[in-house]
Amino acid sequence: MVEAALSAFGRLDTLVCNAGVDGLPSADPGTPPLLENVEEADWDLVMDVNLKGVFLSCAAAIPYFKEQRRDRIINISSVAGRQGIEFLPACAASKAAVISLT
């Protein structure tokens, strides 16, 4: 992504991380999305998209921002990351982590 932007535009001015998933993609419909019902694969998917994606994107962009001596990084989180949401435990945890990472 960073290389594509540099190739197309010659520089990178802003990084916006705004991807996100929530819920229990592999659960049976009607399963309450409580922590005890979260499959490890679902947890991993949410963490990979919501947190690891932010980490990898920032890590890829920061060297170019340092070289240019100018940057903007905007990481989008959620109110779930500040107060938690009972039925979205993985999402809330990942968005809290994005706030801390930022």
PDB file of N, CA and C in Angstrom:
ATOM      1  N   MET A   1       0.821  -1.184   0.000  1.00  0.00           N
ATOM      2  CA  MET A   1       0.000   0.000   0.000  1.00  0.00           C
ATOM      3  C   MET A   1       0.873   1.259   0.000  1.00  0.00           C
ATOM      4  N   VAL A   2       1.875   1.289   0.872  1.00  0.00           N
ATOM      5  CA  VAL A   2       2.763   2.445   0.946  1.00  0.00           C
ATOM      6  C   VAL A   2       3.555   2.575  -0.347  1.00  0.00           C
ATOM      7  N   GLU A   3       4.091   1.478  -0.809  1.00  0.00           N
ATOM      8  CA  GLU A   3       4.862   1.512  -2.055  1.00  0.00           C
ATOM      9  C   GLU A   3       3.990   1.950  -3.233  1.00  0.00           C
ATOM     10  N   ALA A   4       2.752   1.498  -3.272  1.00  0.00           N
ATOM     11  CA  ALA A   4       1.846   1.892  -4.354  1.00  0.00           C
ATOM     12  C   ALA A   4       1.566   3.390  -4.320  1.00  0.00           C
ATOM     13  N   ALA A   5       1.376   3.940  -3.144  1.00  0.00           N
ATOM     14  CA  ALA A   5       1.145   5.387  -3.022  1.00  0.00           C
ATOM     15  C   ALA A   5       2.380   6.169  -3.446  1.00  0.00           C
ATOM     16  N   LEU A   6       3.536   5.722  -3.019  1.00  0.00           N
ATOM     17  CA  LEU A   6       4.780   6.404  -3.395  1.00  0.00           C
ATOM     18  C   LEU A   6       5.015   6.324  -4.900  1.00  0.00           C
ATOM     19  N   SER A   7       4.731   5.181  -5.477  1.00  0.00           N
ATOM     20  CA  SER A   7       4.898   5.009  -6.912  1.00  0.00           C
ATOM     21  C   SER A   7       3.943   5.906  -7.693  1.00  0.00           C
ATOM     22  N   ALA A   8       2.709   5.994  -7.233  1.00  0.00           N
ATOM     23  CA  ALA A   8       1.696   6.773  -7.950  1.00  0.00           C
ATOM     24  C   ALA A   8       1.851   8.276  -7.745  1.00  0.00           C
ATOM     25  N   PHE A   9       2.230   8.685  -6.526  1.00  0.00           N
ATOM     26  CA  PHE A   9       2.202  10.110  -6.190  1.00  0.00           C
ATOM     27  C   PHE A   9       3.558  10.708  -5.822  1.00  0.00           C
ATOM     28  N   GLY A  10       4.562   9.871  -5.649  1.00  0.00           N
ATOM     29  CA  GLY A  10       5.896  10.367  -5.349  1.00  0.00           C
ATOM     30  C   GLY A  10       6.139  10.692  -3.886  1.00  0.00           C
ATOM     31  N   ARG A  11       5.113  10.681  -3.074  1.00  0.00           N
ATOM     32  CA  ARG A  11       5.263  10.923  -1.643  1.00  0.00           C
ATOM     33  C   ARG A  11       4.029  10.409  -0.913  1.00  0.00           C
ATOM     34  N   LEU A  12       4.143  10.389   0.390  1.00  0.00           N
ATOM     35  CA  LEU A  12       3.041   9.947   1.226  1.00  0.00           C
ATOM     36  C   LEU A  12       2.815  11.032   2.266  1.00  0.00           C
ATOM     37  N   ASP A  13       1.648  11.637   2.246  1.00  0.00           N
ATOM     38  CA  ASP A  13       1.371  12.743   3.157  1.00  0.00           C
ATOM     39  C   ASP A  13       0.504  12.352   4.342  1.00  0.00           C
ATOM     40  N   THR A  14      -0.413  11.433   4.154  1.00  0.00           N
ATOM     41  CA  THR A  14      -1.357  11.079   5.210  1.00  0.00           C
ATOM     42  C   THR A  14      -1.659   9.590   5.159  1.00  0.00           C
ATOM     43  N   LEU A  15      -1.745   8.996   6.331  1.00  0.00           N
ATOM     44  CA  LEU A  15      -2.177   7.612   6.465  1.00  0.00           C
ATOM     45  C   LEU A  15      -3.449   7.616   7.299  1.00  0.00           C
ATOM     46  N   VAL A  16      -4.513   7.022   6.782  1.00  0.00           N
ATOM     47  CA  VAL A  16      -5.758   6.876   7.524  1.00  0.00           C
ATOM     48  C   VAL A  16      -6.041   5.384   7.664  1.00  0.00           C
ATOM     49  N   CYS A  17      -6.103   4.923   8.896  1.00  0.00           N
ATOM     50  CA  CYS A  17      -6.441   3.525   9.170  1.00  0.00           C
ATOM     51  C   CYS A  17      -7.883   3.491   9.650  1.00  0.00           C
ATOM     52  N   ASN A  18      -8.770   2.925   8.812  1.00  0.00           N
ATOM     53  CA  ASN A  18     -10.194   2.989   9.091  1.00  0.00           C
ATOM     54  C   ASN A  18     -10.900   1.669   8.814  1.00  0.00           C
ATOM     55  N   ALA A  19     -10.190   0.571   8.834  1.00  0.00           N
ATOM     56  CA  ALA A  19     -10.826  -0.728   8.616  1.00  0.00           C
ATOM     57  C   ALA A  19     -11.354  -1.260   9.941  1.00  0.00           C
ATOM     58  N   GLY A  20     -12.378  -2.090   9.878  1.00  0.00           N
ATOM     59  CA  GLY A  20     -12.870  -2.666  11.115  1.00  0.00           C
ATOM     60  C   GLY A  20     -13.876  -3.774  10.870  1.00  0.00           C
ATOM     61  N   VAL A  21     -13.828  -4.760  11.750  1.00  0.00           N
ATOM     62  CA  VAL A  21     -14.816  -5.832  11.769  1.00  0.00           C
ATOM     63  C   VAL A  21     -15.235  -6.048  13.216  1.00  0.00           C
ATOM     64  N   ASP A  22     -16.411  -6.640  13.399  1.00  0.00           N
ATOM     65  CA  ASP A  22     -16.872  -6.955  14.745  1.00  0.00           C
ATOM     66  C   ASP A  22     -17.701  -8.229  14.688  1.00  0.00           C
ATOM     67  N   GLY A  23     -18.190  -8.657  15.806  1.00  0.00           N
ATOM     68  CA  GLY A  23     -19.125  -9.772  15.830  1.00  0.00           C
ATOM     69  C   GLY A  23     -18.483 -11.142  15.822  1.00  0.00           C
ATOM     70  N   LEU A  24     -19.284 -12.121  15.472  1.00  0.00           N
ATOM     71  CA  LEU A  24     -18.886 -13.526  15.477  1.00  0.00           C
ATOM     72  C   LEU A  24     -19.154 -14.139  14.112  1.00  0.00           C
ATOM     73  N   PRO A  25     -18.280 -13.919  13.143  1.00  0.00           N
ATOM     74  CA  PRO A  25     -18.572 -14.392  11.792  1.00  0.00           C
ATOM     75  C   PRO A  25     -18.818 -15.892  11.681  1.00  0.00           C
ATOM     76  N   SER A  26     -18.188 -16.703  12.521  1.00  0.00           N
ATOM     77  CA  SER A  26     -18.367 -18.150  12.358  1.00  0.00           C
ATOM     78  C   SER A  26     -19.451 -18.726  13.268  1.00  0.00           C
ATOM     79  N   ALA A  27     -20.094 -17.893  14.084  1.00  0.00           N
ATOM     80  CA  ALA A  27     -21.116 -18.392  15.012  1.00  0.00           C
ATOM     81  C   ALA A  27     -22.423 -18.694  14.280  1.00  0.00           C
ATOM     82  N   ASP A  28     -23.177 -19.603  14.859  1.00  0.00           N
ATOM     83  CA  ASP A  28     -24.523 -19.879  14.347  1.00  0.00           C
ATOM     84  C   ASP A  28     -25.394 -18.656  14.573  1.00  0.00           C
ATOM     85  N   PRO A  29     -26.279 -18.351  13.628  1.00  0.00           N
ATOM     86  CA  PRO A  29     -27.199 -17.236  13.854  1.00  0.00           C
ATOM     87  C   PRO A  29     -27.976 -17.452  15.151  1.00  0.00           C
ATOM     88  N   GLY A  30     -28.161 -16.398  15.890  1.00  0.00           N
ATOM     89  CA  GLY A  30     -28.881 -16.491  17.156  1.00  0.00           C
ATOM     90  C   GLY A  30     -27.985 -16.721  18.353  1.00  0.00           C
ATOM     91  N   THR A  31     -26.688 -17.012  18.110  1.00  0.00           N
ATOM     92  CA  THR A  31     -25.758 -17.184  19.220  1.00  0.00           C
ATOM     93  C   THR A  31     -25.454 -15.825  19.825  1.00  0.00           C
ATOM     94  N   PRO A  32     -25.672 -15.658  21.128  1.00  0.00           N
ATOM     95  CA  PRO A  32     -25.346 -14.358  21.732  1.00  0.00           C
ATOM     96  C   PRO A  32     -23.850 -14.075  21.607  1.00  0.00           C
ATOM     97  N   PRO A  33     -23.477 -12.888  21.154  1.00  0.00           N
ATOM     98  CA  PRO A  33     -22.062 -12.578  20.947  1.00  0.00           C
ATOM     99  C   PRO A  33     -21.350 -12.236  22.257  1.00  0.00           C
ATOM    100  N   LEU A  34     -21.416 -13.146  23.218  1.00  0.00           N
ATOM    101  CA  LEU A  34     -20.744 -12.976  24.505  1.00  0.00           C
ATOM    102  C   LEU A  34     -19.340 -13.553  24.425  1.00  0.00           C
ATOM    103  N   LEU A  35     -18.500 -13.152  25.341  1.00  0.00           N
ATOM    104  CA  LEU A  35     -17.103 -13.583  25.314  1.00  0.00           C
ATOM    105  C   LEU A  35     -16.968 -15.100  25.255  1.00  0.00           C
ATOM    106  N   GLU A  36     -17.792 -15.818  26.014  1.00  0.00           N
ATOM    107  CA  GLU A  36     -17.663 -17.272  26.039  1.00  0.00           C
ATOM    108  C   GLU A  36     -18.083 -17.934  24.730  1.00  0.00           C
ATOM    109  N   ASN A  37     -18.710 -17.171  23.848  1.00  0.00           N
ATOM    110  CA  ASN A  37     -19.115 -17.707  22.548  1.00  0.00           C
ATOM    111  C   ASN A  37     -18.173 -17.312  21.411  1.00  0.00           C
ATOM    112  N   VAL A  38     -17.150 -16.552  21.718  1.00  0.00           N
ATOM    113  CA  VAL A  38     -16.214 -16.101  20.689  1.00  0.00           C
ATOM    114  C   VAL A  38     -15.229 -17.232  20.378  1.00  0.00           C
ATOM    115  N   GLU A  39     -15.210 -17.653  19.136  1.00  0.00           N
ATOM    116  CA  GLU A  39     -14.233 -18.658  18.693  1.00  0.00           C
ATOM    117  C   GLU A  39     -12.874 -17.980  18.528  1.00  0.00           C
ATOM    118  N   GLU A  40     -11.822 -18.735  18.734  1.00  0.00           N
ATOM    119  CA  GLU A  40     -10.483 -18.169  18.601  1.00  0.00           C
ATOM    120  C   GLU A  40     -10.247 -17.605  17.205  1.00  0.00           C
ATOM    121  N   ALA A  41     -10.763 -18.266  16.188  1.00  0.00           N
ATOM    122  CA  ALA A  41     -10.596 -17.771  14.814  1.00  0.00           C
ATOM    123  C   ALA A  41     -11.281 -16.417  14.621  1.00  0.00           C
ATOM    124  N   ASP A  42     -12.450 -16.237  15.246  1.00  0.00           N
ATOM    125  CA  ASP A  42     -13.139 -14.949  15.164  1.00  0.00           C
ATOM    126  C   ASP A  42     -12.340 -13.865  15.896  1.00  0.00           C
ATOM    127  N   TRP A  43     -11.856 -14.210  17.084  1.00  0.00           N
ATOM    128  CA  TRP A  43     -11.025 -13.272  17.857  1.00  0.00           C
ATOM    129  C   TRP A  43      -9.821 -12.844  17.017  1.00  0.00           C
ATOM    130  N   ASP A  44      -9.147 -13.819  16.425  1.00  0.00           N
ATOM    131  CA  ASP A  44      -7.961 -13.520  15.613  1.00  0.00           C
ATOM    132  C   ASP A  44      -8.299 -12.629  14.424  1.00  0.00           C
ATOM    133  N   LEU A  45      -9.424 -12.898  13.759  1.00  0.00           N
ATOM    134  CA  LEU A  45      -9.825 -12.078  12.619  1.00  0.00           C
ATOM    135  C   LEU A  45     -10.039 -10.627  13.048  1.00  0.00           C
ATOM    136  N   VAL A  46     -10.773 -10.429  14.139  1.00  0.00           N
ATOM    137  CA  VAL A  46     -11.036  -9.071  14.615  1.00  0.00           C
ATOM    138  C   VAL A  46      -9.728  -8.375  14.988  1.00  0.00           C
ATOM    139  N   MET A  47      -8.847  -9.055  15.705  1.00  0.00           N
ATOM    140  CA  MET A  47      -7.569  -8.454  16.096  1.00  0.00           C
ATOM    141  C   MET A  47      -6.691  -8.176  14.875  1.00  0.00           C
ATOM    142  N   ASP A  48      -6.692  -9.082  13.913  1.00  0.00           N
ATOM    143  CA  ASP A  48      -5.880  -8.886  12.707  1.00  0.00           C
ATOM    144  C   ASP A  48      -6.331  -7.656  11.921  1.00  0.00           C
ATOM    145  N   VAL A  49      -7.625  -7.520  11.732  1.00  0.00           N
ATOM    146  CA  VAL A  49      -8.124  -6.388  10.946  1.00  0.00           C
ATOM    147  C   VAL A  49      -8.039  -5.091  11.749  1.00  0.00           C
ATOM    148  N   ASN A  50      -8.583  -5.112  12.966  1.00  0.00           N
ATOM    149  CA  ASN A  50      -8.742  -3.878  13.727  1.00  0.00           C
ATOM    150  C   ASN A  50      -7.460  -3.364  14.356  1.00  0.00           C
ATOM    151  N   LEU A  51      -6.583  -4.246  14.792  1.00  0.00           N
ATOM    152  CA  LEU A  51      -5.360  -3.811  15.479  1.00  0.00           C
ATOM    153  C   LEU A  51      -4.098  -4.069  14.658  1.00  0.00           C
ATOM    154  N   LYS A  52      -3.928  -5.280  14.207  1.00  0.00           N
ATOM    155  CA  LYS A  52      -2.712  -5.604  13.458  1.00  0.00           C
ATOM    156  C   LYS A  52      -2.633  -4.810  12.158  1.00  0.00           C
ATOM    157  N   GLY A  53      -3.773  -4.567  11.526  1.00  0.00           N
ATOM    158  CA  GLY A  53      -3.786  -3.751  10.313  1.00  0.00           C
ATOM    159  C   GLY A  53      -3.281  -2.342  10.568  1.00  0.00           C
ATOM    160  N   VAL A  54      -3.680  -1.747  11.698  1.00  0.00           N
ATOM    161  CA  VAL A  54      -3.209  -0.415  12.075  1.00  0.00           C
ATOM    162  C   VAL A  54      -1.704  -0.458  12.330  1.00  0.00           C
ATOM    163  N   PHE A  55      -1.277  -1.448  13.118  1.00  0.00           N
ATOM    164  CA  PHE A  55       0.146  -1.591  13.425  1.00  0.00           C
ATOM    165  C   PHE A  55       0.988  -1.726  12.156  1.00  0.00           C
ATOM    166  N   LEU A  56       0.600  -2.640  11.270  1.00  0.00           N
ATOM    167  CA  LEU A  56       1.391  -2.861  10.061  1.00  0.00           C
ATOM    168  C   LEU A  56       1.392  -1.642   9.141  1.00  0.00           C
ATOM    169  N   SER A  57       0.262  -0.984   9.034  1.00  0.00           N
ATOM    170  CA  SER A  57       0.182   0.210   8.182  1.00  0.00           C
ATOM    171  C   SER A  57       1.068   1.326   8.717  1.00  0.00           C
ATOM    172  N   CYS A  58       0.975   1.578  10.003  1.00  0.00           N
ATOM    173  CA  CYS A  58       1.817   2.626  10.609  1.00  0.00           C
ATOM    174  C   CYS A  58       3.297   2.281  10.490  1.00  0.00           C
ATOM    175  N   ALA A  59       3.627   1.029  10.785  1.00  0.00           N
ATOM    176  CA  ALA A  59       5.026   0.603  10.713  1.00  0.00           C
ATOM    177  C   ALA A  59       5.583   0.760   9.299  1.00  0.00           C
ATOM    178  N   ALA A  60       4.752   0.537   8.292  1.00  0.00           N
ATOM    179  CA  ALA A  60       5.204   0.671   6.906  1.00  0.00           C
ATOM    180  C   ALA A  60       5.354   2.132   6.503  1.00  0.00           C
ATOM    181  N   ALA A  61       4.507   2.995   7.031  1.00  0.00           N
ATOM    182  CA  ALA A  61       4.516   4.408   6.617  1.00  0.00           C
ATOM    183  C   ALA A  61       5.519   5.259   7.381  1.00  0.00           C
ATOM    184  N   ILE A  62       5.763   4.943   8.628  1.00  0.00           N
ATOM    185  CA  ILE A  62       6.595   5.806   9.478  1.00  0.00           C
ATOM    186  C   ILE A  62       7.988   6.064   8.910  1.00  0.00           C
ATOM    187  N   PRO A  63       8.696   5.079   8.362  1.00  0.00           N
ATOM    188  CA  PRO A  63      10.019   5.396   7.807  1.00  0.00           C
ATOM    189  C   PRO A  63       9.979   6.483   6.723  1.00  0.00           C
ATOM    190  N   TYR A  64       8.949   6.467   5.889  1.00  0.00           N
ATOM    191  CA  TYR A  64       8.826   7.489   4.848  1.00  0.00           C
ATOM    192  C   TYR A  64       8.456   8.836   5.443  1.00  0.00           C
ATOM    193  N   PHE A  65       7.613   8.822   6.451  1.00  0.00           N
ATOM    194  CA  PHE A  65       7.260  10.073   7.127  1.00  0.00           C
ATOM    195  C   PHE A  65       8.487  10.688   7.785  1.00  0.00           C
ATOM    196  N   LYS A  66       9.317   9.877   8.407  1.00  0.00           N
ATOM    197  CA  LYS A  66      10.548  10.396   9.033  1.00  0.00           C
ATOM    198  C   LYS A  66      11.478  10.992   7.985  1.00  0.00           C
ATOM    199  N   GLU A  67      11.600  10.309   6.862  1.00  0.00           N
ATOM    200  CA  GLU A  67      12.448  10.796   5.778  1.00  0.00           C
ATOM    201  C   GLU A  67      11.927  12.123   5.226  1.00  0.00           C
ATOM    202  N   GLN A  68      10.637  12.248   5.088  1.00  0.00           N
ATOM    203  CA  GLN A  68      10.022  13.467   4.557  1.00  0.00           C
ATOM    204  C   GLN A  68       9.937  14.576   5.601  1.00  0.00           C
ATOM    205  N   ARG A  69      10.051  14.206   6.878  1.00  0.00           N
ATOM    206  CA  ARG A  69       9.931  15.147   7.998  1.00  0.00           C
ATOM    207  C   ARG A  69       8.562  15.820   8.037  1.00  0.00           C
ATOM    208  N   ARG A  70       7.578  15.097   7.576  1.00  0.00           N
ATOM    209  CA  ARG A  70       6.205  15.592   7.630  1.00  0.00           C
ATOM    210  C   ARG A  70       5.265  14.393   7.531  1.00  0.00           C
ATOM    211  N   ASP A  71       4.244  14.399   8.369  1.00  0.00           N
ATOM    212  CA  ASP A  71       3.342  13.257   8.350  1.00  0.00           C
ATOM    213  C   ASP A  71       2.023  13.595   9.016  1.00  0.00           C
ATOM    214  N   ARG A  72       1.061  12.762   8.732  1.00  0.00           N
ATOM    215  CA  ARG A  72      -0.234  12.753   9.405  1.00  0.00           C
ATOM    216  C   ARG A  72      -0.685  11.302   9.459  1.00  0.00           C
ATOM    217  N   ILE A  73      -0.957  10.826  10.660  1.00  0.00           N
ATOM    218  CA  ILE A  73      -1.521   9.492  10.829  1.00  0.00           C
ATOM    219  C   ILE A  73      -2.835   9.658  11.576  1.00  0.00           C
ATOM    220  N   ILE A  74      -3.884   9.131  10.987  1.00  0.00           N
ATOM    221  CA  ILE A  74      -5.208   9.190  11.590  1.00  0.00           C
ATOM    222  C   ILE A  74      -5.682   7.751  11.760  1.00  0.00           C
ATOM    223  N   ASN A  75      -5.799   7.326  12.997  1.00  0.00           N
ATOM    224  CA  ASN A  75      -6.279   5.983  13.297  1.00  0.00           C
ATOM    225  C   ASN A  75      -7.701   6.093  13.835  1.00  0.00           C
ATOM    226  N   ILE A  76      -8.626   5.449  13.159  1.00  0.00           N
ATOM    227  CA  ILE A  76     -10.021   5.483  13.557  1.00  0.00           C
ATOM    228  C   ILE A  76     -10.272   4.335  14.531  1.00  0.00           C
ATOM    229  N   SER A  77     -10.824   4.654  15.678  1.00  0.00           N
ATOM    230  CA  SER A  77     -11.166   3.645  16.668  1.00  0.00           C
ATOM    231  C   SER A  77     -12.683   3.601  16.805  1.00  0.00           C
ATOM    232  N   SER A  78     -13.167   3.535  18.020  1.00  0.00           N
ATOM    233  CA  SER A  78     -14.611   3.426  18.252  1.00  0.00           C
ATOM    234  C   SER A  78     -14.902   3.784  19.696  1.00  0.00           C
ATOM    235  N   VAL A  79     -16.112   4.203  19.947  1.00  0.00           N
ATOM    236  CA  VAL A  79     -16.532   4.419  21.334  1.00  0.00           C
ATOM    237  C   VAL A  79     -16.412   3.105  22.111  1.00  0.00           C
ATOM    238  N   ALA A  80     -16.505   1.989  21.425  1.00  0.00           N
ATOM    239  CA  ALA A  80     -16.344   0.678  22.076  1.00  0.00           C
ATOM    240  C   ALA A  80     -14.971   0.541  22.711  1.00  0.00           C
ATOM    241  N   GLY A  81     -13.980   1.216  22.168  1.00  0.00           N
ATOM    242  CA  GLY A  81     -12.637   1.165  22.721  1.00  0.00           C
ATOM    243  C   GLY A  81     -12.467   1.988  23.978  1.00  0.00           C
ATOM    244  N   ARG A  82     -13.388   2.885  24.242  1.00  0.00           N
ATOM    245  CA  ARG A  82     -13.309   3.734  25.434  1.00  0.00           C
ATOM    246  C   ARG A  82     -14.195   3.227  26.569  1.00  0.00           C
ATOM    247  N   GLN A  83     -15.287   2.558  26.230  1.00  0.00           N
ATOM    248  CA  GLN A  83     -16.188   2.121  27.287  1.00  0.00           C
ATOM    249  C   GLN A  83     -16.569   0.646  27.189  1.00  0.00           C
ATOM    250  N   GLY A  84     -16.164  -0.015  26.145  1.00  0.00           N
ATOM    251  CA  GLY A  84     -16.517  -1.420  25.974  1.00  0.00           C
ATOM    252  C   GLY A  84     -17.969  -1.585  25.563  1.00  0.00           C
ATOM    253  N   ILE A  85     -18.246  -2.679  24.929  1.00  0.00           N
ATOM    254  CA  ILE A  85     -19.612  -3.015  24.543  1.00  0.00           C
ATOM    255  C   ILE A  85     -19.807  -4.486  24.879  1.00  0.00           C
ATOM    256  N   GLU A  86     -20.807  -4.758  25.668  1.00  0.00           N
ATOM    257  CA  GLU A  86     -21.043  -6.102  26.197  1.00  0.00           C
ATOM    258  C   GLU A  86     -21.072  -7.178  25.118  1.00  0.00           C
ATOM    259  N   PHE A  87     -21.698  -6.890  23.990  1.00  0.00           N
ATOM    260  CA  PHE A  87     -21.866  -7.912  22.968  1.00  0.00           C
ATOM    261  C   PHE A  87     -20.824  -7.853  21.854  1.00  0.00           C
ATOM    262  N   LEU A  88     -19.778  -7.070  22.035  1.00  0.00           N
ATOM    263  CA  LEU A  88     -18.692  -7.015  21.050  1.00  0.00           C
ATOM    264  C   LEU A  88     -17.342  -7.041  21.771  1.00  0.00           C
ATOM    265  N   PRO A  89     -17.046  -8.115  22.501  1.00  0.00           N
ATOM    266  CA  PRO A  89     -15.825  -8.115  23.313  1.00  0.00           C
ATOM    267  C   PRO A  89     -14.534  -8.017  22.502  1.00  0.00           C
ATOM    268  N   ALA A  90     -14.443  -8.728  21.405  1.00  0.00           N
ATOM    269  CA  ALA A  90     -13.216  -8.668  20.603  1.00  0.00           C
ATOM    270  C   ALA A  90     -13.057  -7.299  19.954  1.00  0.00           C
ATOM    271  N   CYS A  91     -14.149  -6.780  19.437  1.00  0.00           N
ATOM    272  CA  CYS A  91     -14.110  -5.458  18.811  1.00  0.00           C
ATOM    273  C   CYS A  91     -13.717  -4.394  19.830  1.00  0.00           C
ATOM    274  N   ALA A  92     -14.333  -4.419  21.007  1.00  0.00           N
ATOM    275  CA  ALA A  92     -14.022  -3.427  22.036  1.00  0.00           C
ATOM    276  C   ALA A  92     -12.559  -3.518  22.457  1.00  0.00           C
ATOM    277  N   ALA A  93     -12.060  -4.717  22.655  1.00  0.00           N
ATOM    278  CA  ALA A  93     -10.669  -4.894  23.056  1.00  0.00           C
ATOM    279  C   ALA A  93      -9.717  -4.397  21.971  1.00  0.00           C
ATOM    280  N   SER A  94     -10.023  -4.702  20.716  1.00  0.00           N
ATOM    281  CA  SER A  94      -9.144  -4.284  19.622  1.00  0.00           C
ATOM    282  C   SER A  94      -9.153  -2.770  19.447  1.00  0.00           C
ATOM    283  N   LYS A  95     -10.315  -2.149  19.608  1.00  0.00           N
ATOM    284  CA  LYS A  95     -10.396  -0.691  19.443  1.00  0.00           C
ATOM    285  C   LYS A  95      -9.746   0.038  20.614  1.00  0.00           C
ATOM    286  N   ALA A  96      -9.809  -0.540  21.831  1.00  0.00           N
ATOM    287  CA  ALA A  96      -9.068   0.022  22.973  1.00  0.00           C
ATOM    288  C   ALA A  96      -7.567  -0.053  22.697  1.00  0.00           C
ATOM    289  N   ALA A  97      -7.148  -1.147  22.110  1.00  0.00           N
ATOM    290  CA  ALA A  97      -5.735  -1.308  21.773  1.00  0.00           C
ATOM    291  C   ALA A  97      -5.299  -0.298  20.707  1.00  0.00           C
ATOM    292  N   VAL A  98      -6.167  -0.005  19.747  1.00  0.00           N
ATOM    293  CA  VAL A  98      -5.846   1.007  18.736  1.00  0.00           C
ATOM    294  C   VAL A  98      -5.658   2.378  19.405  1.00  0.00           C
ATOM    295  N   ILE A  99      -6.511   2.700  20.378  1.00  0.00           N
ATOM    296  CA  ILE A  99      -6.361   3.966  21.095  1.00  0.00           C
ATOM    297  C   ILE A  99      -5.010   3.988  21.802  1.00  0.00           C
ATOM    298  N   SER A 100      -4.656   2.917  22.476  1.00  0.00           N
ATOM    299  CA  SER A 100      -3.377   2.862  23.176  1.00  0.00           C
ATOM    300  C   SER A 100      -2.198   2.917  22.219  1.00  0.00           C
ATOM    301  N   LEU A 101      -2.299   2.209  21.114  1.00  0.00           N
ATOM    302  CA  LEU A 101      -1.227   2.223  20.114  1.00  0.00           C
ATOM    303  C   LEU A 101      -1.025   3.626  19.549  1.00  0.00           C
ATOM    304  N   THR A 102      -2.128   4.309  19.304  1.00  0.00           N
ATOM    305  CA  THR A 102      -2.063   5.655  18.740  1.00  0.00           C
ATOM    306  C   THR A 102      -1.425   6.605  19.728  1.00  0.00           C
TER     307      THR A 102
END
